Protein backbone atom coordinates (compact mmCIF):
# COMPACT_ATOMS: atom_id res chain seq x y z
CA MET A 1 89.00 175.19 81.60
CA THR A 2 87.20 171.99 82.70
CA ARG A 3 87.81 169.56 81.01
CA ARG A 4 85.17 167.85 78.02
CA LEU A 5 84.78 163.72 78.20
CA ILE A 6 82.06 161.38 76.09
CA VAL A 7 81.72 158.18 77.60
CA VAL A 8 80.55 155.81 75.33
CA GLY A 9 78.52 153.50 76.24
CA GLY A 10 76.35 152.63 79.45
CA GLY A 11 77.86 149.14 81.01
CA LEU A 12 79.38 149.40 83.83
CA ALA A 13 82.37 150.81 82.64
CA GLY A 14 81.29 153.65 80.94
CA ILE A 15 79.64 154.42 83.54
CA THR A 16 83.28 154.00 85.65
CA ALA A 17 84.94 156.25 83.65
CA ALA A 18 82.25 158.08 83.71
CA LEU A 19 81.46 158.93 87.94
CA ALA A 20 85.47 158.78 88.36
CA ALA A 21 86.15 161.71 85.71
CA ALA A 22 83.32 163.72 87.08
CA ASP A 23 84.50 162.80 90.49
CA ALA A 24 88.55 164.56 89.44
CA GLY A 25 86.26 167.47 88.02
CA MET A 26 85.78 166.87 84.83
CA SER A 27 82.06 167.90 82.89
CA VAL A 28 81.21 163.77 81.15
CA THR A 29 78.20 163.37 78.56
CA LEU A 30 77.65 159.75 78.37
CA LEU A 31 75.91 158.31 75.25
CA GLU A 32 74.12 155.02 75.53
CA GLY A 33 72.28 153.13 72.65
CA ARG A 34 69.91 151.36 75.04
CA PRO A 35 67.28 152.68 76.50
CA ARG A 36 68.67 151.86 80.32
CA LEU A 37 72.11 151.86 81.21
CA GLY A 38 73.26 148.44 83.35
CA GLY A 39 74.86 147.34 79.46
CA ALA A 40 75.61 143.36 80.19
CA THR A 41 73.94 143.27 83.20
CA PHE A 42 70.56 144.13 82.96
CA SER A 43 66.24 143.73 84.14
CA PHE A 44 63.30 142.90 81.60
CA ARG A 45 59.76 143.00 82.21
CA ARG A 46 57.50 140.72 82.03
CA ASP A 47 54.11 140.05 82.72
CA GLY A 48 54.77 142.95 85.18
CA ARG A 49 57.60 141.19 87.34
CA TRP A 50 60.69 141.29 86.24
CA LEU A 51 63.55 138.83 85.14
CA ASP A 52 67.71 139.49 85.60
CA ASN A 53 69.12 138.51 81.91
CA GLY A 54 71.41 136.39 84.06
CA GLN A 55 72.63 135.36 86.59
CA HIS A 56 75.44 137.74 87.94
CA VAL A 57 77.73 136.95 91.22
CA PHE A 58 80.44 138.44 92.52
CA LEU A 59 83.91 137.65 94.69
CA ARG A 60 84.82 139.21 97.59
CA CYS A 61 88.35 139.78 95.79
CA CYS A 62 86.49 141.84 93.45
CA THR A 63 87.26 144.66 95.13
CA ALA A 64 86.66 147.41 91.55
CA TYR A 65 82.92 145.79 91.80
CA ARG A 66 81.98 146.12 95.49
CA GLY A 67 83.35 150.10 94.88
CA PHE A 68 81.56 150.14 92.12
CA LEU A 69 78.79 149.48 94.19
CA ASP A 70 80.14 151.64 97.12
CA ARG A 71 79.75 154.45 94.07
CA ILE A 72 76.46 154.54 93.28
CA GLY A 73 74.96 153.32 96.74
CA THR A 74 73.96 149.53 96.80
CA ALA A 75 76.08 148.14 98.58
CA HIS A 76 73.59 147.24 100.79
CA LEU A 77 71.16 145.59 98.11
CA VAL A 78 73.68 142.30 97.47
CA GLU A 79 74.99 139.32 100.11
CA LEU A 80 78.37 138.00 99.95
CA GLN A 81 79.13 135.15 101.95
CA ASP A 82 81.01 134.84 105.21
CA ARG A 83 83.13 132.09 104.54
CA LEU A 84 83.33 129.86 100.52
CA ASP A 85 80.35 127.43 100.25
CA VAL A 86 78.80 126.17 97.62
CA PRO A 87 76.42 122.70 97.74
CA VAL A 88 77.34 120.59 94.30
CA LEU A 89 74.26 118.60 93.37
CA THR A 90 74.06 115.30 91.17
CA PRO A 91 71.31 113.09 90.12
CA TRP A 92 71.76 110.04 92.13
CA GLY A 93 71.51 112.36 95.05
CA THR A 94 75.00 112.09 96.82
CA THR A 95 75.78 116.10 98.01
CA GLY A 96 78.78 117.23 98.61
CA ARG A 97 80.35 121.53 99.30
CA LEU A 98 83.35 123.08 98.84
CA HIS A 99 83.77 125.34 100.87
CA ARG A 100 86.03 127.03 103.43
CA SER A 101 87.78 126.64 106.15
CA GLY A 102 89.47 130.16 108.58
CA LEU A 103 92.81 128.30 108.00
CA PRO A 104 95.16 130.12 105.86
CA SER A 105 96.15 129.25 102.35
CA PRO A 106 95.92 126.65 100.84
CA LEU A 107 95.23 125.33 104.04
CA HIS A 108 91.85 127.13 103.57
CA LEU A 109 90.41 124.08 101.47
CA SER A 110 92.34 120.86 103.02
CA ALA A 111 89.20 120.01 104.56
CA ALA A 112 86.99 121.24 101.63
CA LEU A 113 89.23 118.63 99.49
CA SER A 114 89.38 115.81 102.42
CA ARG A 115 85.88 115.47 102.43
CA TYR A 116 84.50 116.60 98.92
CA PRO A 117 83.27 112.93 97.87
CA PHE A 118 83.01 112.39 94.29
CA LEU A 119 87.17 112.25 94.01
CA THR A 120 88.76 109.33 94.79
CA LEU A 121 91.60 109.37 97.04
CA ALA A 122 94.54 109.59 94.41
CA GLY A 123 92.62 112.14 92.59
CA ARG A 124 92.23 114.26 95.57
CA ALA A 125 95.97 115.17 95.49
CA ARG A 126 95.89 114.85 91.99
CA VAL A 127 94.42 118.31 92.30
CA GLY A 128 96.59 119.41 95.44
CA VAL A 129 99.37 118.95 93.09
CA ALA A 130 97.55 121.08 90.21
CA ALA A 131 96.43 123.61 92.88
CA MET A 132 100.57 123.80 94.30
CA ALA A 133 102.06 124.22 90.81
CA LEU A 134 99.19 126.19 89.69
CA LYS A 135 99.84 128.93 92.70
CA ARG A 136 103.53 129.19 91.72
CA LEU A 137 102.77 130.12 87.77
CA ASP A 138 101.94 134.32 87.26
CA PRO A 139 98.84 134.69 85.21
CA ASP A 140 101.21 137.47 83.21
CA ASP A 141 103.58 135.66 82.60
CA PRO A 142 102.77 135.81 77.98
CA LYS A 143 103.85 132.10 77.05
CA LEU A 144 101.17 130.95 80.02
CA ASP A 145 98.39 132.40 77.11
CA GLU A 146 99.90 129.98 74.49
CA THR A 147 98.63 126.41 75.52
CA THR A 148 94.81 125.11 76.90
CA PHE A 149 93.97 125.84 80.96
CA GLY A 150 93.15 121.57 80.13
CA ALA A 151 96.75 120.92 78.38
CA TRP A 152 97.96 121.45 81.30
CA LEU A 153 96.41 119.95 84.12
CA ASP A 154 97.04 117.03 81.90
CA ARG A 155 100.49 116.83 83.26
CA PHE A 156 99.47 116.05 85.92
CA GLY A 157 97.58 113.63 85.32
CA VAL A 158 93.67 115.01 86.36
CA THR A 159 91.11 112.55 84.64
CA GLY A 160 88.04 114.23 82.90
CA ARG A 161 86.04 113.03 86.20
CA GLU A 162 88.18 114.99 88.44
CA ARG A 163 88.36 118.32 85.53
CA ALA A 164 84.28 118.23 85.88
CA ALA A 165 83.86 117.49 89.71
CA MET A 166 86.38 120.96 91.03
CA TRP A 167 88.66 123.12 87.91
CA ASP A 168 85.48 123.01 85.51
CA LEU A 169 82.88 123.61 88.56
CA VAL A 170 84.95 126.82 88.85
CA GLY A 171 86.55 127.58 85.74
CA VAL A 172 83.49 127.60 83.40
CA ALA A 173 81.12 130.39 85.30
CA THR A 174 84.14 132.41 85.47
CA LEU A 175 85.76 132.17 82.62
CA ASN A 176 82.65 131.04 80.17
CA LEU A 177 84.95 128.42 78.15
CA THR A 178 85.90 125.04 79.27
CA ALA A 179 88.88 124.15 80.78
CA GLU A 180 89.96 121.82 77.36
CA HIS A 181 89.03 125.56 75.23
CA ALA A 182 90.11 127.93 78.02
CA SER A 183 93.68 130.40 78.20
CA LEU A 184 95.87 129.28 80.97
CA ALA A 185 97.03 132.15 81.48
CA MET A 186 93.36 133.22 82.83
CA ALA A 187 92.67 130.06 84.14
CA VAL A 188 95.51 131.52 86.60
CA LYS A 189 94.10 134.29 86.92
CA VAL A 190 91.17 132.99 88.45
CA PHE A 191 92.27 130.43 90.95
CA ARG A 192 94.98 131.97 92.38
CA THR A 193 92.93 135.77 92.86
CA GLY A 194 90.01 133.80 93.44
CA LEU A 195 91.17 130.58 95.10
CA LEU A 196 94.61 130.16 96.38
CA ASP A 197 96.85 133.60 97.00
CA THR A 198 94.17 134.30 99.90
CA ASN A 199 92.05 132.98 102.56
CA ASP A 200 88.96 135.06 101.62
CA GLY A 201 89.39 135.22 97.98
CA ALA A 202 86.52 133.34 96.66
CA ASP A 203 83.58 133.74 99.31
CA ILE A 204 80.52 134.60 96.77
CA GLY A 205 78.62 137.45 96.95
CA TRP A 206 75.08 138.05 94.41
CA SER A 207 71.93 140.21 94.70
CA ARG A 208 68.83 140.50 96.23
CA VAL A 209 66.97 142.67 93.66
CA PRO A 210 66.89 143.08 89.91
CA LEU A 211 69.78 144.05 88.43
CA GLN A 212 68.18 147.02 86.66
CA GLN A 213 67.48 148.93 90.70
CA LEU A 214 71.63 147.35 91.42
CA HIS A 215 73.02 149.14 88.27
CA GLY A 216 70.75 150.61 85.93
CA ASP A 217 68.97 152.87 88.27
CA ALA A 218 70.66 153.41 90.86
CA ALA A 219 73.55 154.28 88.55
CA GLN A 220 71.53 156.84 86.92
CA ARG A 221 71.12 158.29 89.75
CA ALA A 222 74.89 158.63 91.13
CA LEU A 223 75.34 160.16 87.46
CA GLU A 224 72.74 162.40 87.56
CA ASP A 225 73.96 163.43 91.06
CA ALA A 226 77.62 163.91 89.91
CA LYS A 227 76.23 166.13 86.91
CA VAL A 228 76.82 163.67 84.24
CA ASP A 229 75.18 164.09 81.03
CA VAL A 230 72.88 161.11 80.58
CA ARG A 231 71.66 160.63 76.93
CA LEU A 232 69.95 157.39 76.34
CA ARG A 233 68.68 156.07 72.59
CA THR A 234 71.62 157.88 71.50
CA ARG A 235 73.02 155.60 69.17
CA VAL A 236 77.01 156.55 67.97
CA SER A 237 78.06 155.29 64.38
CA ALA A 238 80.62 157.76 64.51
CA LEU A 239 84.03 159.43 66.02
CA ASP A 240 86.25 161.75 64.73
CA VAL A 241 89.84 163.17 65.70
CA LEU A 242 89.75 166.89 64.93
CA PRO A 243 93.39 168.48 63.69
CA GLU A 244 93.34 171.25 66.66
CA GLY A 245 93.20 168.34 69.03
CA GLY A 246 89.97 167.54 70.67
CA PHE A 247 87.24 164.85 69.14
CA THR A 248 83.74 165.25 68.02
CA VAL A 249 80.90 161.74 67.84
CA ALA A 250 78.68 161.82 65.75
CA ALA A 251 75.40 160.51 67.55
CA ASP A 252 71.74 160.13 65.56
CA GLY A 253 72.30 163.12 63.88
CA ALA A 254 73.71 165.30 66.33
CA THR A 255 77.74 166.18 66.81
CA VAL A 256 78.81 166.04 70.50
CA SER A 257 82.61 167.50 70.72
CA GLY A 258 85.09 166.90 73.71
CA ASP A 259 88.63 166.88 75.09
CA ALA A 260 88.78 163.37 75.86
CA VAL A 261 86.47 160.40 74.10
CA VAL A 262 86.31 156.96 76.71
CA LEU A 263 85.15 154.00 74.50
CA ALA A 264 83.13 151.40 76.56
CA VAL A 265 81.69 149.91 73.85
CA PRO A 266 82.14 145.80 72.59
CA HIS A 267 84.91 145.27 71.01
CA GLU A 268 83.41 144.82 67.17
CA ASP A 269 81.82 148.82 68.25
CA ALA A 270 85.56 149.69 69.20
CA ALA A 271 86.86 147.94 65.82
CA ARG A 272 84.74 149.77 63.77
CA LEU A 273 84.69 153.12 65.97
CA LEU A 274 88.09 153.77 66.15
CA PRO A 275 89.47 155.32 64.41
CA PRO A 276 93.24 154.96 61.78
CA GLY A 277 96.09 154.77 63.68
CA ALA A 278 94.66 154.53 67.05
CA LEU A 279 94.71 151.06 68.46
CA LEU A 280 97.86 150.06 70.21
CA LEU A 281 98.74 146.03 71.37
CA GLY A 282 101.28 146.49 73.77
CA ASP A 283 102.81 149.34 72.69
CA ARG A 284 102.33 148.66 68.93
CA PRO A 285 99.87 149.71 66.22
CA ALA A 286 97.35 147.66 64.84
CA ASP A 287 94.86 147.50 62.41
CA PRO A 288 91.41 147.08 64.38
CA THR A 289 90.32 144.37 63.00
CA VAL A 290 92.52 142.06 64.33
CA LEU A 291 89.90 142.55 67.78
CA ALA A 292 87.81 140.40 65.34
CA GLY A 293 89.96 136.99 66.47
CA LEU A 294 89.04 138.09 70.63
CA GLY A 295 85.20 136.44 69.19
CA SER A 296 82.96 135.62 71.19
CA SER A 297 80.97 132.78 73.89
CA PRO A 298 77.29 132.56 74.52
CA ILE A 299 75.85 132.42 77.51
CA VAL A 300 72.36 130.00 78.01
CA ASN A 301 69.04 131.88 81.00
CA LEU A 302 66.53 129.95 82.29
CA HIS A 303 63.59 131.20 84.72
CA VAL A 304 61.63 128.20 86.14
CA VAL A 305 59.08 129.11 88.27
CA TYR A 306 57.34 126.56 89.93
CA ASP A 307 54.49 126.41 91.83
CA ARG A 308 55.45 124.83 94.15
CA PRO A 309 59.12 125.28 96.58
CA VAL A 310 61.39 123.32 95.42
CA PHE A 311 64.65 124.33 96.58
CA ASP A 312 66.14 124.97 99.36
CA HIS A 313 69.20 127.04 99.21
CA GLU A 314 70.48 129.35 97.57
CA PHE A 315 72.30 128.79 94.44
CA ALA A 316 73.92 125.41 93.88
CA ALA A 317 76.41 123.55 91.22
CA GLY A 318 75.44 120.74 89.95
CA LEU A 319 78.05 117.99 89.27
CA ALA A 320 76.67 115.14 85.76
CA SER A 321 73.69 117.20 85.20
CA PRO A 322 73.32 119.17 82.22
CA VAL A 323 72.56 121.97 84.85
CA GLN A 324 75.92 124.16 86.03
CA TRP A 325 74.53 126.17 88.34
CA VAL A 326 70.95 127.24 90.07
CA PHE A 327 69.95 130.57 92.12
CA ASP A 328 66.91 131.04 93.99
CA ARG A 329 65.53 133.79 93.03
CA SER A 330 62.09 133.96 94.41
CA ALA A 331 62.23 136.66 96.43
CA ASN A 332 62.48 138.78 92.47
CA LEU A 333 58.78 137.99 92.10
CA GLY A 334 57.53 138.27 95.05
CA LEU A 335 57.32 134.89 95.57
CA PRO A 336 58.40 132.24 98.86
CA ARG A 337 61.48 131.15 99.05
CA GLY A 338 62.33 127.77 96.49
CA ARG A 339 60.37 128.89 93.74
CA TYR A 340 61.91 130.46 91.26
CA LEU A 341 64.96 129.20 90.26
CA ALA A 342 67.74 130.98 87.24
CA VAL A 343 69.60 128.45 85.87
CA SER A 344 72.78 129.50 84.54
CA HIS A 345 75.29 128.46 81.35
CA SER A 346 78.25 128.85 79.95
CA ALA A 347 80.46 127.32 77.70
CA ALA A 348 77.39 127.53 75.86
CA ASP A 349 77.82 126.21 72.15
CA ALA A 350 76.02 123.85 71.71
CA GLU A 351 72.98 124.94 73.22
CA ILE A 352 72.56 129.02 71.78
CA ASP A 353 70.96 127.78 68.80
CA MET A 354 68.48 125.58 70.24
CA THR A 355 64.56 126.31 70.70
CA HIS A 356 62.59 126.70 73.18
CA GLN A 357 61.00 123.39 73.29
CA GLN A 358 64.42 122.14 73.40
CA LEU A 359 65.80 123.63 76.75
CA ARG A 360 62.34 122.96 77.95
CA GLU A 361 62.68 119.05 77.70
CA ARG A 362 66.64 119.44 78.02
CA TYR A 363 66.21 121.33 81.48
CA LEU A 364 63.09 120.67 83.28
CA PRO A 365 63.82 116.35 82.89
CA ALA A 366 67.91 117.52 84.79
CA LEU A 367 66.00 120.11 86.74
CA GLU A 368 64.28 117.36 88.99
CA ARG A 369 66.84 114.44 88.56
CA LEU A 370 68.42 117.23 90.90
CA LEU A 371 66.10 118.31 92.88
CA PRO A 372 63.65 116.28 94.63
CA ALA A 373 60.60 118.05 95.30
CA ALA A 374 60.36 119.20 91.43
CA ARG A 375 59.60 115.76 91.17
CA ASP A 376 55.71 116.53 91.68
CA ALA A 377 55.27 119.94 91.21
CA ARG A 378 53.82 122.22 88.12
CA VAL A 379 56.12 124.71 86.15
CA GLU A 380 53.92 127.96 86.22
CA GLU A 381 56.96 129.38 83.79
CA PHE A 382 59.46 128.89 81.54
CA VAL A 383 61.21 132.18 80.11
CA VAL A 384 65.10 131.72 77.91
CA THR A 385 67.41 134.52 77.68
CA LYS A 386 70.55 133.86 75.68
CA GLU A 387 73.35 135.83 75.29
CA ARG A 388 75.38 135.64 71.83
CA THR A 389 77.96 137.30 72.59
CA ALA A 390 77.82 136.94 76.31
CA THR A 391 82.07 137.31 75.91
CA PHE A 392 84.76 137.64 74.64
CA ARG A 393 86.33 133.76 74.38
CA ALA A 394 89.16 133.90 76.47
CA ALA A 395 90.90 130.65 74.00
CA PRO A 396 94.12 131.08 74.13
CA GLY A 397 96.22 133.36 71.75
CA SER A 398 93.45 135.82 73.22
CA GLY A 399 95.88 137.66 76.06
CA ARG A 400 97.20 139.87 73.30
CA LEU A 401 94.60 141.23 71.23
CA ARG A 402 93.41 142.71 74.43
CA PRO A 403 94.42 146.82 74.58
CA HIS A 404 95.60 148.55 77.24
CA ALA A 405 92.94 151.45 78.47
CA HIS A 406 95.47 153.59 76.72
CA THR A 407 95.48 154.05 72.50
CA ALA A 408 97.64 156.63 70.27
CA VAL A 409 95.31 159.05 70.71
CA PRO A 410 96.19 161.49 72.85
CA GLY A 411 92.42 161.97 74.89
CA LEU A 412 91.46 158.36 73.04
CA ALA A 413 90.61 155.24 75.96
CA LEU A 414 89.20 151.81 75.69
CA ALA A 415 87.17 150.59 78.25
CA GLY A 416 85.24 147.00 78.53
CA ALA A 417 85.87 144.00 80.19
CA TRP A 418 87.49 142.53 77.06
CA THR A 419 90.41 144.98 77.16
CA ALA A 420 93.74 144.10 79.47
CA THR A 421 92.43 144.16 82.39
CA GLY A 422 94.36 140.76 83.62
CA TRP A 423 90.66 139.16 84.39
CA PRO A 424 88.70 138.05 82.99
CA ALA A 425 85.66 139.06 81.03
CA THR A 426 83.26 139.57 84.74
CA MET A 427 82.10 142.26 86.08
CA GLU A 428 85.20 143.29 88.17
CA GLY A 429 86.93 143.46 84.91
CA ALA A 430 84.75 145.67 83.77
CA VAL A 431 85.05 148.42 86.23
CA ARG A 432 88.68 148.07 86.39
CA SER A 433 88.92 148.29 82.85
CA GLY A 434 86.68 152.09 83.35
CA LEU A 435 89.24 153.10 86.16
CA ALA A 436 91.74 152.63 83.34
CA ALA A 437 89.81 154.69 80.89
CA ALA A 438 89.26 158.31 83.01
CA GLU A 439 92.56 157.67 84.18
CA ALA A 440 94.42 157.62 81.05
CA THR A 441 92.21 160.63 80.05
CA ILE A 442 92.80 162.47 82.90
CA PRO A 443 96.70 164.80 81.12
CA GLY A 444 99.31 164.53 84.62
CA ARG A 445 96.52 162.68 87.02
CA VAL A 446 96.62 158.96 88.32
CA LEU A 447 93.04 157.83 90.17
CA PRO A 448 94.36 156.27 93.63
CA THR A 449 93.55 152.31 93.82
CA THR A 450 93.80 152.15 97.26
CA PRO A 451 92.29 150.69 98.71
CA PRO A 452 92.43 147.86 95.30
CA GLY A 453 89.46 149.41 92.85
CA ALA A 454 88.70 151.74 94.85
CA PHE A 455 86.95 154.90 93.70
CA PRO A 456 89.53 157.95 94.25
CA GLU A 457 87.69 160.82 96.27
CA ARG A 458 85.10 163.35 95.29
CA THR A 459 86.76 167.45 93.87
CA THR A 460 85.52 169.67 92.92
CA THR A 461 87.75 172.23 91.25
CA PRO A 462 88.29 170.91 87.40
């Protein structure tokens, strides 16, 4: 008999689990409460045009996510740098660049560090010493989850200016927390995997099309081709384990039965849906209410359309400015390059409750200080999108609250970027969690992941 799997949640984790299981021969039903797939990476229509909810990028080291794009047929719709190259803009007009050479790690960053104008000679030395010490740390060491990245940097005498110019420039965007609040374990993962373990891991990739086209729409086609029963606008209210084995899921007045279930939902929803005694933290049972301790960290995104080109980069980072990262998304709207800018502000605890007008008054002058051409341009559109619970809070102690895919109930698995993927809350982590959850629901089968993160080969027999 074909094994029946129910996947609850249609974000990247749920889509991945559904595809991997279907490719392994399972009969899969995917339930998603929203009218679209894609989860936290989506687009919305405004005045007949597509705007993304926020800017999502990936790195060359994100092998699982890149495998996901291959699987749904959209790898050709993204750009990936040949070599890491990030312009760094300042209000006083000085521009720096963070770029790599073709030399092996860690020499690949030495030239950029030596020419980086925002560090003194002593500051470059401190950054180098800290980087070498970071390379020797193991991100799986649980002791690293007991302290903050900022406290660890303090041991090397790293100043606030050096932290802002180097560590937070990268860390805030990936961890959604500043160094003073982020877990050292998560920071080690980000900097080792992205910047230090290989010379090309941090090369940046981004979508050339709206996220709904890149993820949701393409995933729906791929799922349908894989014979997955996709049910949108179907909100799950309960999950029950049957005494004779198997599960029932209550969704909008209907009941769906299956031999296995993947809960690919935010941790708050998982805590509500998990059966008693199912959650494992490590190998020990835990009350699902402890998942609330993962908390959340917000992101605010601003969409600014000018009446003329004001920006001549694909993207840039801001230093000494409220603008953390700015991206040219003009092609999404069919506009000439440099007119539609997306500003992404992570770790936005102070900004999340600001009004539209307050954000406008803060960020438009900041953009003008970074981009001289914006000073004479007229703003045609200013749109704000907020993700109050964008990611779990990767603070010290979060590691011990992240469960693995398997649970104490055979056939029930967890997926989501908040689970114990070893990665922060990224698209890469979401896809890896979906692969792990699919594996956990297929008895006696381990999905191959060579090259790392690749989707398993499809089979025609259960």
